[in-house]
Amino acid sequence: MKELLQNIFDTGLGFATLTKEKLEELQKELVEKGKMTREEGMNFVDGLRSKSEKAREQLDLWIARRVEEQVQKLNLAKKDDIDELQRKIDELHALINKDHQ
């Protein structure tokens, strides 16, 4: 049973969506059914929690990269680009006001 659950969680986004409560509920259920000792259950849940956190981090990174790729394809201005343009506009306004005084 433990190996089956491990294989299921290893195969996809299941890890990224696991919550602490779900993991503890799973551990409790496995211990109550006699499939694991309490210590085995705690070790199992700790391992899954660690893998879940890593999977979530990897998913976040993957999403950020995909979004960045799409933004680049759309050739959209970034905040830094807009800030630079605003700085140049402010400089031009200052020059114009200086020349008209």
Protein backbone atom coordinates (compact mmCIF):
# COMPACT_ATOMS: atom_id res chain seq x y z
CA MET A 1 0.00 0.00 0.00
CA LYS A 2 2.78 2.40 0.96
CA GLU A 3 4.59 1.75 -2.32
CA LEU A 4 1.39 2.19 -4.30
CA LEU A 5 0.70 5.57 -2.69
CA GLN A 6 4.31 6.60 -3.15
CA ASN A 7 4.12 5.75 -6.86
CA ILE A 8 0.87 7.65 -7.29
CA PHE A 9 2.28 10.78 -5.70
CA ASP A 10 5.55 10.49 -7.60
CA THR A 11 3.82 10.61 -10.96
CA GLY A 12 2.44 14.08 -11.18
CA LEU A 13 1.12 17.30 -9.82
CA GLY A 14 -0.38 15.49 -6.86
CA PHE A 15 2.68 16.50 -4.91
CA ALA A 16 2.25 20.16 -5.66
CA THR A 17 -1.28 20.19 -4.25
CA LEU A 18 -0.75 18.18 -1.09
CA THR A 19 -1.51 20.05 2.09
CA LYS A 20 -0.22 19.33 5.54
CA GLU A 21 -3.73 18.36 6.63
CA LYS A 22 -4.17 15.90 3.75
CA LEU A 23 -0.83 14.28 4.52
CA GLU A 24 -1.63 13.94 8.21
CA GLU A 25 -5.05 12.50 7.36
CA LEU A 26 -3.40 9.94 5.07
CA GLN A 27 -0.89 9.02 7.77
CA LYS A 28 -3.63 8.58 10.37
CA GLU A 29 -5.65 6.39 8.01
CA LEU A 30 -2.67 4.16 7.20
CA VAL A 31 -1.78 3.75 10.88
CA GLU A 32 -5.40 3.01 11.84
CA LYS A 33 -5.65 0.34 9.14
CA GLY A 34 -2.46 -1.24 10.42
CA LYS A 35 -0.60 -0.67 7.17
CA MET A 36 2.16 1.23 8.99
CA THR A 37 3.38 1.89 12.47
CA ARG A 38 3.01 5.41 13.80
CA GLU A 39 6.74 6.04 13.29
CA GLU A 40 6.63 4.69 9.72
CA GLY A 41 3.61 6.86 9.06
CA MET A 42 5.38 9.95 10.36
CA ASN A 43 8.46 9.22 8.26
CA PHE A 44 6.29 8.55 5.22
CA VAL A 45 4.37 11.80 5.66
CA ASP A 46 7.57 13.78 6.24
CA GLY A 47 9.00 12.38 3.01
CA LEU A 48 5.85 13.21 1.09
CA ARG A 49 5.72 16.70 2.59
CA SER A 50 9.29 17.34 1.50
CA LYS A 51 8.56 16.08 -2.01
CA SER A 52 5.38 18.15 -2.11
CA GLU A 53 7.27 21.32 -1.25
CA LYS A 54 9.92 20.61 -3.89
CA ALA A 55 7.26 19.84 -6.51
CA ARG A 56 5.42 23.06 -5.66
CA GLU A 57 8.62 25.06 -6.02
CA GLN A 58 9.38 23.40 -9.35
CA LEU A 59 5.83 24.02 -10.56
CA ASP A 60 6.05 27.69 -9.57
CA LEU A 61 9.35 28.02 -11.42
CA TRP A 62 7.96 26.26 -14.49
CA ILE A 63 4.91 28.53 -14.55
CA ALA A 64 7.04 31.65 -14.14
CA ARG A 65 9.23 30.58 -17.05
CA ARG A 66 6.22 29.86 -19.28
CA VAL A 67 4.65 33.22 -18.45
CA GLU A 68 7.93 35.01 -19.16
CA GLU A 69 8.22 33.20 -22.52
CA GLN A 70 4.70 34.26 -23.47
CA VAL A 71 5.31 37.86 -22.45
CA GLN A 72 8.44 37.91 -24.60
CA LYS A 73 6.52 36.43 -27.56
CA LEU A 74 3.89 39.14 -27.21
CA ASN A 75 6.64 41.74 -27.11
CA LEU A 76 4.96 43.52 -24.19
CA ALA A 77 6.69 46.30 -22.33
CA LYS A 78 7.95 45.36 -18.89
CA LYS A 79 7.73 47.59 -15.84
CA ASP A 80 11.42 48.46 -16.18
CA ASP A 81 10.83 49.54 -19.79
CA ILE A 82 7.93 51.76 -18.77
CA ASP A 83 9.90 53.21 -15.83
CA GLU A 84 12.77 54.06 -18.21
CA LEU A 85 10.40 55.78 -20.62
CA GLN A 86 8.86 57.76 -17.76
CA ARG A 87 12.33 58.86 -16.65
CA LYS A 88 13.11 60.08 -20.19
CA ILE A 89 9.78 61.92 -20.41
CA ASP A 90 10.49 63.62 -17.08
CA GLU A 91 13.94 64.68 -18.36
CA LEU A 92 12.40 66.10 -21.55
CA HIS A 93 9.78 68.00 -19.54
CA ALA A 94 12.52 69.44 -17.39
CA LEU A 95 14.48 70.56 -20.47
CA ILE A 96 11.40 72.10 -22.09
CA ASN A 97 10.46 73.98 -18.90
CA LYS A 98 14.05 75.18 -18.50
CA ASP A 99 14.16 76.49 -22.09
CA HIS A 100 10.84 78.36 -21.70
CA GLN A 101 11.82 80.22 -18.55
